[in-house]
Amino acid sequence: MLIAIFILKLAMLQSSHIKQYLDAIFDFAIIHHIPNWRDCLDELKRVLKPEGQLIIEDLSIETFDNNLGKIFRKLLYHPYSAMYKHEEFLSYLEKIGFKIKIKKVFNPLGFRYFIVIAEK
């Protein structure tokens, strides 16, 4: 349901008339479900106001590389072949002009997830 809401909201914002509209965008483990994640980040940047905040808590492909992650690969559907590595994700944020203010990585039970706060 949350993914559907996110995609619907993103589709509504894709109008070329809506730019620099939002003060902050929150991602709670959604972007790793999107195969064209770079396009998603480009769009999030477009609709953020100058100095807007992008607050992300998400997973990277490294989550699914360990033994427990390999089991979850068989149980859960994700676009694994298109998923980003953690460092690749951070590099792309910087490439498109975000300033990374905070970045933290957590590995509970072998699941790699990260938190990033980036500013436009």
Protein backbone atom coordinates (compact mmCIF):
# COMPACT_ATOMS: atom_id res chain seq x y z
CA MET A 1 0.00 0.00 0.00
CA LEU A 2 2.78 2.44 0.93
CA ILE A 3 4.56 1.80 -2.37
CA ALA A 4 1.32 2.44 -4.28
CA ILE A 5 0.82 5.73 -2.44
CA PHE A 6 4.42 6.73 -3.16
CA ILE A 7 4.09 5.93 -6.87
CA LEU A 8 0.76 7.74 -7.10
CA LYS A 9 2.18 10.83 -5.41
CA LEU A 10 5.27 10.69 -7.62
CA ALA A 11 3.09 10.41 -10.73
CA MET A 12 1.09 13.45 -9.62
CA LEU A 13 4.30 15.42 -9.13
CA GLN A 14 5.69 14.44 -12.53
CA SER A 15 3.88 17.32 -14.13
CA SER A 16 6.47 19.67 -15.58
CA HIS A 17 4.57 22.51 -13.90
CA ILE A 18 5.40 21.26 -10.41
CA LYS A 19 9.00 22.06 -9.53
CA GLN A 20 10.70 22.83 -6.26
CA TYR A 21 7.49 22.11 -4.41
CA LEU A 22 8.41 20.04 -1.35
CA ASP A 23 10.43 20.94 1.74
CA ALA A 24 11.27 17.31 2.57
CA ILE A 25 10.80 13.83 1.18
CA PHE A 26 10.92 10.66 3.30
CA ASP A 27 11.74 7.20 1.99
CA PHE A 28 11.16 4.27 4.31
CA ALA A 29 12.45 1.23 2.40
CA ILE A 30 10.75 2.01 -0.90
CA ILE A 31 13.42 3.01 -3.40
CA HIS A 32 15.05 -0.44 -3.44
CA HIS A 33 11.79 -1.73 -4.98
CA ILE A 34 12.13 0.60 -7.97
CA PRO A 35 14.20 -0.79 -10.86
CA ASN A 36 14.86 2.66 -12.36
CA TRP A 37 15.99 4.12 -9.03
CA ARG A 38 18.20 6.75 -10.68
CA ASP A 39 15.17 8.23 -12.45
CA CYS A 40 13.35 8.19 -9.12
CA LEU A 41 16.15 10.15 -7.41
CA ASP A 42 16.25 12.62 -10.32
CA GLU A 43 12.52 13.20 -9.91
CA LEU A 44 12.79 13.61 -6.13
CA LYS A 45 15.48 16.22 -6.65
CA ARG A 46 13.34 18.08 -9.18
CA VAL A 47 10.37 18.44 -6.84
CA LEU A 48 12.41 19.43 -3.76
CA LYS A 49 12.75 23.09 -2.94
CA PRO A 50 16.29 24.51 -2.75
CA GLU A 51 17.83 23.29 0.52
CA GLY A 52 15.06 20.70 0.72
CA GLN A 53 15.83 17.55 2.69
CA LEU A 54 15.81 13.97 1.39
CA ILE A 55 15.56 11.58 4.34
CA ILE A 56 16.15 7.96 3.37
CA GLU A 57 16.06 4.67 5.27
CA ASP A 58 16.52 1.88 2.77
CA LEU A 59 18.22 -1.38 1.83
CA SER A 60 20.97 -2.06 -0.68
CA ILE A 61 21.77 -5.20 -2.67
CA GLU A 62 24.40 -6.14 -0.07
CA THR A 63 21.47 -7.08 2.19
CA PHE A 64 20.74 -10.04 -0.06
CA ASP A 65 24.34 -11.24 -0.53
CA ASN A 66 24.81 -13.09 2.76
CA ASN A 67 23.34 -16.50 3.66
CA LEU A 68 20.18 -15.13 5.27
CA GLY A 69 19.75 -12.65 2.43
CA LYS A 70 19.98 -15.45 -0.13
CA ILE A 71 17.08 -17.19 1.60
CA PHE A 72 15.05 -13.97 1.46
CA ARG A 73 15.83 -13.67 -2.27
CA LYS A 74 13.82 -16.84 -2.75
CA LEU A 75 10.94 -15.64 -0.58
CA LEU A 76 10.62 -11.98 -1.59
CA TYR A 77 10.35 -10.26 -4.92
CA HIS A 78 12.69 -7.35 -5.55
CA PRO A 79 14.34 -6.11 -8.74
CA TYR A 80 17.64 -7.69 -7.64
CA SER A 81 19.44 -7.23 -10.95
CA ALA A 82 18.68 -3.49 -10.87
CA MET A 83 19.26 -2.89 -7.15
CA TYR A 84 22.01 -0.50 -6.14
CA LYS A 85 25.03 -1.02 -3.96
CA HIS A 86 25.14 1.30 -0.99
CA GLU A 87 28.15 3.28 -2.25
CA GLU A 88 26.66 3.46 -5.75
CA PHE A 89 23.52 5.02 -4.30
CA LEU A 90 25.49 7.62 -2.33
CA SER A 91 27.67 8.43 -5.35
CA TYR A 92 24.62 9.02 -7.51
CA LEU A 93 23.06 11.34 -4.94
CA GLU A 94 26.25 13.42 -4.99
CA LYS A 95 26.49 13.26 -8.79
CA ILE A 96 23.06 14.86 -9.19
CA GLY A 97 23.88 17.60 -6.72
CA PHE A 98 22.76 16.45 -3.28
CA LYS A 99 24.96 17.28 -0.29
CA ILE A 100 25.05 14.32 2.05
CA LYS A 101 24.70 15.58 5.61
CA ILE A 102 24.37 12.28 7.48
CA LYS A 103 25.02 8.69 6.43
CA LYS A 104 24.88 5.65 8.67
CA VAL A 105 24.92 1.93 7.92
CA PHE A 106 23.39 -0.75 10.12
CA ASN A 107 23.77 -4.52 9.87
CA PRO A 108 21.31 -6.14 12.28
CA LEU A 109 21.16 -9.89 11.73
CA GLY A 110 23.20 -9.43 8.56
CA PHE A 111 20.67 -7.14 6.91
CA ARG A 112 22.42 -4.08 5.57
CA TYR A 113 20.31 -0.97 5.65
CA PHE A 114 21.29 2.65 5.69
CA ILE A 115 20.06 6.06 6.69
CA VAL A 116 20.94 9.12 4.64
CA ILE A 117 19.97 12.73 5.06
CA ALA A 118 20.83 14.74 1.97
CA GLU A 119 20.17 18.35 1.09
CA LYS A 120 19.42 19.73 -2.34
